[in-house]
Amino acid sequence: MRWIHRDSVIRCDHDGRVENRASQRWVTVTGVPVLVDADPEGRPITACPNYGPTIKPCAKTLRVRVGYSDWLRVDGHRVVLSHLDGFTDGTPPGLVHHRVRDPRQRFLGADR
């Protein structure tokens, strides 16, 4: 698993792009701030193509199910890893996920 930073590619199941924001600036990978717990939650999703009369496109990320390190922390917050998996607010509710497509770095890895 790789550490996830602000420029990593996270997308919904329909291929909408999550807008990453890092809440800390202390730790970086190639100059880009690493994401820590709660950073991937509540983020806007743009360009989700899943829409229609009774279908709601993914507009934001919801809670993360897995993807935070058990051991690695920055200022007390768990580091986000590439096995990230959480839900979105798109339809059908509780079934659409957001996941890392490309960590955009190959330098830092972790077992969990």
N, C-alpha and C. Protein backbone atom coordinates (compact mmCIF):
# COMPACT_ATOMS: atom_id res chain seq x y z
N MET A 1 0.84 -1.18 0.00
CA MET A 1 0.00 0.00 0.00
C MET A 1 0.88 1.24 0.00
N ARG A 2 0.41 2.25 -0.64
CA ARG A 2 1.14 3.52 -0.74
C ARG A 2 0.47 4.60 0.11
N TRP A 3 1.27 5.57 0.55
CA TRP A 3 0.72 6.73 1.23
C TRP A 3 -0.03 7.56 0.20
N ILE A 4 -1.13 8.17 0.61
CA ILE A 4 -1.94 8.99 -0.28
C ILE A 4 -1.72 10.46 0.05
N HIS A 5 -1.53 11.26 -1.00
CA HIS A 5 -1.33 12.70 -0.80
C HIS A 5 -2.36 13.49 -1.59
N ARG A 6 -2.26 14.79 -1.50
CA ARG A 6 -3.26 15.69 -2.10
C ARG A 6 -3.45 15.47 -3.60
N ASP A 7 -2.41 15.06 -4.31
CA ASP A 7 -2.50 14.89 -5.76
C ASP A 7 -2.86 13.47 -6.20
N SER A 8 -3.08 12.57 -5.25
CA SER A 8 -3.49 11.21 -5.59
C SER A 8 -4.87 11.24 -6.25
N VAL A 9 -5.13 10.28 -7.12
CA VAL A 9 -6.40 10.23 -7.84
C VAL A 9 -7.36 9.31 -7.08
N ILE A 10 -8.44 9.91 -6.57
CA ILE A 10 -9.51 9.17 -5.90
C ILE A 10 -10.78 9.43 -6.70
N ARG A 11 -11.50 8.36 -7.03
CA ARG A 11 -12.70 8.49 -7.87
C ARG A 11 -13.84 7.67 -7.30
N CYS A 12 -15.06 8.09 -7.66
CA CYS A 12 -16.23 7.30 -7.30
C CYS A 12 -16.33 6.12 -8.28
N ASP A 13 -17.22 5.18 -7.99
CA ASP A 13 -17.40 4.01 -8.86
C ASP A 13 -17.79 4.39 -10.28
N HIS A 14 -18.38 5.58 -10.46
CA HIS A 14 -18.82 6.02 -11.79
C HIS A 14 -17.75 6.84 -12.51
N ASP A 15 -16.61 7.04 -11.87
CA ASP A 15 -15.46 7.75 -12.41
C ASP A 15 -15.48 9.26 -12.17
N GLY A 16 -16.32 9.75 -11.25
CA GLY A 16 -16.26 11.15 -10.85
C GLY A 16 -15.01 11.37 -10.00
N ARG A 17 -14.41 12.54 -10.08
CA ARG A 17 -13.15 12.81 -9.38
C ARG A 17 -13.37 13.49 -8.04
N VAL A 18 -12.73 12.94 -7.01
CA VAL A 18 -12.78 13.52 -5.66
C VAL A 18 -11.76 14.65 -5.59
N GLU A 19 -12.19 15.79 -5.03
CA GLU A 19 -11.30 16.93 -4.84
C GLU A 19 -10.61 16.80 -3.48
N ASN A 20 -9.36 16.40 -3.50
CA ASN A 20 -8.59 16.18 -2.27
C ASN A 20 -8.14 17.50 -1.66
N ARG A 21 -8.18 17.55 -0.32
CA ARG A 21 -7.61 18.67 0.44
C ARG A 21 -6.90 18.08 1.64
N ALA A 22 -5.69 18.53 1.88
CA ALA A 22 -4.91 18.05 3.02
C ALA A 22 -5.11 18.99 4.21
N SER A 23 -5.34 18.42 5.38
CA SER A 23 -5.54 19.23 6.58
C SER A 23 -4.23 19.51 7.31
N GLN A 24 -3.14 18.89 6.87
CA GLN A 24 -1.84 19.11 7.50
C GLN A 24 -0.81 19.44 6.43
N ARG A 25 0.24 20.12 6.83
CA ARG A 25 1.32 20.50 5.91
C ARG A 25 2.69 20.01 6.41
N TRP A 26 2.71 19.32 7.54
CA TRP A 26 3.96 18.88 8.15
C TRP A 26 4.70 17.84 7.32
N VAL A 27 3.95 16.84 6.82
CA VAL A 27 4.58 15.72 6.13
C VAL A 27 4.16 15.75 4.67
N THR A 28 5.17 15.65 3.78
CA THR A 28 4.90 15.68 2.34
C THR A 28 5.61 14.52 1.65
N VAL A 29 5.12 14.19 0.46
CA VAL A 29 5.80 13.25 -0.43
C VAL A 29 6.06 14.04 -1.71
N THR A 30 7.32 14.17 -2.07
CA THR A 30 7.74 15.00 -3.21
C THR A 30 7.11 16.40 -3.16
N GLY A 31 7.04 16.95 -1.96
CA GLY A 31 6.54 18.30 -1.78
C GLY A 31 5.03 18.44 -1.71
N VAL A 32 4.29 17.32 -1.77
CA VAL A 32 2.83 17.35 -1.75
C VAL A 32 2.35 16.82 -0.40
N PRO A 33 1.47 17.57 0.32
CA PRO A 33 1.03 17.15 1.65
C PRO A 33 0.29 15.80 1.64
N VAL A 34 0.63 14.97 2.63
CA VAL A 34 0.01 13.66 2.83
C VAL A 34 -1.39 13.86 3.42
N LEU A 35 -2.35 13.00 3.01
CA LEU A 35 -3.69 13.04 3.60
C LEU A 35 -3.72 12.24 4.89
N VAL A 36 -4.48 12.71 5.86
CA VAL A 36 -4.65 12.02 7.14
C VAL A 36 -6.14 11.81 7.40
N ASP A 37 -6.45 11.07 8.48
CA ASP A 37 -7.85 10.71 8.71
C ASP A 37 -8.79 11.91 8.70
N ALA A 38 -9.92 11.68 8.12
CA ALA A 38 -11.01 12.63 7.88
C ALA A 38 -10.77 13.50 6.64
N ASP A 39 -9.55 13.54 6.08
CA ASP A 39 -9.32 14.32 4.86
C ASP A 39 -10.17 13.81 3.68
N PRO A 40 -10.33 12.49 3.49
CA PRO A 40 -11.13 12.03 2.34
C PRO A 40 -12.65 12.10 2.56
N GLU A 41 -13.10 12.51 3.73
CA GLU A 41 -14.53 12.52 4.04
C GLU A 41 -15.14 13.90 3.83
N GLY A 42 -16.33 13.94 3.22
CA GLY A 42 -17.02 15.20 2.98
C GLY A 42 -16.44 16.03 1.86
N ARG A 43 -15.69 15.42 0.97
CA ARG A 43 -15.05 16.14 -0.14
C ARG A 43 -15.95 16.14 -1.37
N PRO A 44 -15.92 17.23 -2.14
CA PRO A 44 -16.72 17.31 -3.37
C PRO A 44 -16.24 16.29 -4.41
N ILE A 45 -17.20 15.79 -5.18
CA ILE A 45 -16.91 14.92 -6.32
C ILE A 45 -17.41 15.64 -7.56
N THR A 46 -16.54 15.78 -8.56
CA THR A 46 -16.93 16.47 -9.79
C THR A 46 -17.01 15.49 -10.95
N ALA A 47 -17.87 15.82 -11.89
CA ALA A 47 -18.00 15.10 -13.16
C ALA A 47 -18.47 13.66 -13.02
N CYS A 48 -19.29 13.36 -12.02
CA CYS A 48 -19.87 12.03 -11.92
C CYS A 48 -20.94 11.90 -13.01
N PRO A 49 -20.78 10.94 -13.92
CA PRO A 49 -21.71 10.81 -15.04
C PRO A 49 -22.99 10.05 -14.70
N ASN A 50 -23.16 9.63 -13.46
CA ASN A 50 -24.32 8.84 -13.06
C ASN A 50 -25.49 9.78 -12.72
N TYR A 51 -26.34 10.07 -13.69
CA TYR A 51 -27.47 10.95 -13.43
C TYR A 51 -28.64 10.54 -14.31
N GLY A 52 -29.80 10.99 -13.92
CA GLY A 52 -31.03 10.70 -14.64
C GLY A 52 -32.22 11.15 -13.83
N PRO A 53 -33.45 10.87 -14.29
CA PRO A 53 -34.66 11.34 -13.59
C PRO A 53 -34.75 10.88 -12.13
N THR A 54 -34.35 9.66 -11.83
CA THR A 54 -34.44 9.15 -10.45
C THR A 54 -33.08 8.77 -9.90
N ILE A 55 -32.03 9.26 -10.54
CA ILE A 55 -30.67 8.91 -10.13
C ILE A 55 -29.93 10.17 -9.69
N LYS A 56 -29.29 10.09 -8.52
CA LYS A 56 -28.50 11.20 -8.00
C LYS A 56 -27.02 10.92 -8.26
N PRO A 57 -26.33 11.82 -8.96
CA PRO A 57 -24.89 11.62 -9.16
C PRO A 57 -24.13 11.80 -7.84
N CYS A 58 -22.96 11.25 -7.78
CA CYS A 58 -22.11 11.42 -6.60
C CYS A 58 -21.66 12.88 -6.53
N ALA A 59 -21.93 13.52 -5.41
CA ALA A 59 -21.55 14.92 -5.23
C ALA A 59 -20.54 15.11 -4.11
N LYS A 60 -20.50 14.16 -3.15
CA LYS A 60 -19.51 14.26 -2.08
C LYS A 60 -19.23 12.89 -1.49
N THR A 61 -18.07 12.80 -0.86
CA THR A 61 -17.68 11.55 -0.20
C THR A 61 -18.31 11.49 1.18
N LEU A 62 -18.57 10.28 1.63
CA LEU A 62 -19.09 10.06 2.98
C LEU A 62 -18.01 9.37 3.80
N ARG A 63 -18.39 8.68 4.84
CA ARG A 63 -17.41 8.09 5.76
C ARG A 63 -16.54 7.04 5.07
N VAL A 64 -15.33 6.93 5.56
CA VAL A 64 -14.37 5.95 5.07
C VAL A 64 -14.56 4.65 5.84
N ARG A 65 -14.64 3.53 5.10
CA ARG A 65 -14.77 2.21 5.75
C ARG A 65 -13.41 1.66 6.14
N VAL A 66 -12.46 1.70 5.20
CA VAL A 66 -11.08 1.26 5.45
C VAL A 66 -10.15 2.19 4.69
N GLY A 67 -8.89 2.21 5.13
CA GLY A 67 -7.91 3.01 4.41
C GLY A 67 -7.03 3.87 5.28
N TYR A 68 -7.26 3.84 6.59
CA TYR A 68 -6.39 4.58 7.49
C TYR A 68 -5.36 3.63 8.10
N SER A 69 -4.12 4.09 8.23
CA SER A 69 -3.07 3.26 8.81
C SER A 69 -3.36 2.96 10.28
N ASP A 70 -3.04 1.74 10.68
CA ASP A 70 -3.17 1.37 12.09
C ASP A 70 -2.01 1.91 12.92
N TRP A 71 -0.87 2.19 12.27
CA TRP A 71 0.34 2.55 13.00
C TRP A 71 0.90 3.93 12.67
N LEU A 72 0.78 4.35 11.43
CA LEU A 72 1.41 5.60 11.01
C LEU A 72 0.51 6.80 11.29
N ARG A 73 1.07 7.81 11.95
CA ARG A 73 0.30 8.99 12.31
C ARG A 73 1.11 10.26 12.06
N VAL A 74 0.39 11.33 11.74
CA VAL A 74 1.00 12.65 11.61
C VAL A 74 0.25 13.56 12.57
N ASP A 75 0.96 14.06 13.56
CA ASP A 75 0.35 14.92 14.57
C ASP A 75 -0.89 14.26 15.21
N GLY A 76 -0.81 12.95 15.41
CA GLY A 76 -1.89 12.20 16.06
C GLY A 76 -2.98 11.70 15.13
N HIS A 77 -2.92 12.06 13.84
CA HIS A 77 -3.93 11.64 12.86
C HIS A 77 -3.39 10.51 11.99
N ARG A 78 -4.21 9.50 11.76
CA ARG A 78 -3.80 8.34 10.96
C ARG A 78 -3.58 8.72 9.50
N VAL A 79 -2.52 8.18 8.90
CA VAL A 79 -2.18 8.43 7.50
C VAL A 79 -3.14 7.64 6.61
N VAL A 80 -3.54 8.24 5.48
CA VAL A 80 -4.41 7.56 4.51
C VAL A 80 -3.54 6.70 3.59
N LEU A 81 -3.97 5.46 3.37
CA LEU A 81 -3.24 4.53 2.51
C LEU A 81 -4.07 4.16 1.28
N SER A 82 -3.41 3.55 0.32
CA SER A 82 -4.03 3.29 -0.98
C SER A 82 -5.14 2.25 -0.98
N HIS A 83 -5.38 1.55 0.13
CA HIS A 83 -6.52 0.63 0.18
C HIS A 83 -7.80 1.35 0.63
N LEU A 84 -7.77 2.67 0.56
CA LEU A 84 -8.92 3.51 0.93
C LEU A 84 -10.20 3.04 0.24
N ASP A 85 -11.27 2.94 1.01
CA ASP A 85 -12.59 2.58 0.47
C ASP A 85 -13.63 3.24 1.36
N GLY A 86 -14.46 4.07 0.75
CA GLY A 86 -15.53 4.74 1.49
C GLY A 86 -16.75 4.89 0.61
N PHE A 87 -17.80 5.44 1.16
CA PHE A 87 -19.05 5.61 0.42
C PHE A 87 -19.17 7.03 -0.13
N THR A 88 -20.09 7.19 -1.10
CA THR A 88 -20.45 8.50 -1.62
C THR A 88 -21.94 8.72 -1.36
N ASP A 89 -22.42 9.92 -1.69
CA ASP A 89 -23.85 10.21 -1.52
C ASP A 89 -24.66 9.92 -2.79
N GLY A 90 -24.04 9.25 -3.78
CA GLY A 90 -24.74 8.92 -5.02
C GLY A 90 -25.70 7.76 -4.86
N THR A 91 -26.52 7.54 -5.89
CA THR A 91 -27.47 6.42 -5.86
C THR A 91 -26.87 5.22 -6.58
N PRO A 92 -27.21 4.02 -6.10
CA PRO A 92 -28.07 3.72 -4.95
C PRO A 92 -27.34 3.97 -3.63
N PRO A 93 -28.07 4.53 -2.63
CA PRO A 93 -27.46 4.87 -1.34
C PRO A 93 -26.80 3.66 -0.67
N GLY A 94 -25.63 3.89 -0.11
CA GLY A 94 -24.93 2.84 0.62
C GLY A 94 -24.26 1.79 -0.26
N LEU A 95 -24.25 2.01 -1.57
CA LEU A 95 -23.62 1.03 -2.46
C LEU A 95 -22.52 1.62 -3.34
N VAL A 96 -22.46 2.93 -3.47
CA VAL A 96 -21.47 3.56 -4.34
C VAL A 96 -20.25 3.95 -3.49
N HIS A 97 -19.08 3.57 -3.96
CA HIS A 97 -17.84 3.77 -3.21
C HIS A 97 -16.95 4.83 -3.86
N HIS A 98 -15.99 5.32 -3.08
CA HIS A 98 -14.87 6.09 -3.62
C HIS A 98 -13.60 5.35 -3.22
N ARG A 99 -12.68 5.26 -4.19
CA ARG A 99 -11.45 4.49 -4.01
C ARG A 99 -10.29 5.18 -4.70
N VAL A 100 -9.08 4.80 -4.30
CA VAL A 100 -7.87 5.33 -4.92
C VAL A 100 -7.67 4.63 -6.26
N ARG A 101 -7.51 5.42 -7.31
CA ARG A 101 -7.21 4.87 -8.64
C ARG A 101 -5.71 4.92 -8.91
N ASP A 102 -5.06 5.99 -8.42
CA ASP A 102 -3.62 6.15 -8.65
C ASP A 102 -3.04 6.95 -7.49
N PRO A 103 -2.14 6.35 -6.71
CA PRO A 103 -1.55 7.09 -5.58
C PRO A 103 -0.67 8.25 -6.01
N ARG A 104 -0.21 8.23 -7.26
CA ARG A 104 0.65 9.28 -7.84
C ARG A 104 1.98 9.43 -7.11
N GLN A 105 2.40 8.39 -6.43
CA GLN A 105 3.74 8.36 -5.85
C GLN A 105 4.12 6.91 -5.63
N ARG A 106 5.41 6.62 -5.75
CA ARG A 106 5.91 5.25 -5.60
C ARG A 106 7.02 5.19 -4.55
N PHE A 107 7.16 6.25 -3.74
CA PHE A 107 8.26 6.31 -2.79
C PHE A 107 7.93 5.72 -1.42
N LEU A 108 6.76 6.06 -0.89
CA LEU A 108 6.42 5.63 0.47
C LEU A 108 5.33 4.58 0.45
N GLY A 109 5.60 3.48 1.15
CA GLY A 109 4.62 2.42 1.28
C GLY A 109 4.50 2.00 2.73
N ALA A 110 3.47 1.22 3.02
CA ALA A 110 3.26 0.73 4.38
C ALA A 110 2.45 -0.55 4.32
N ASP A 111 2.59 -1.38 5.33
CA ASP A 111 1.78 -2.60 5.40
C ASP A 111 0.39 -2.31 5.95
N ARG A 112 0.25 -1.36 6.78
CA ARG A 112 -1.01 -0.89 7.34
C ARG A 112 -0.67 0.15 8.35
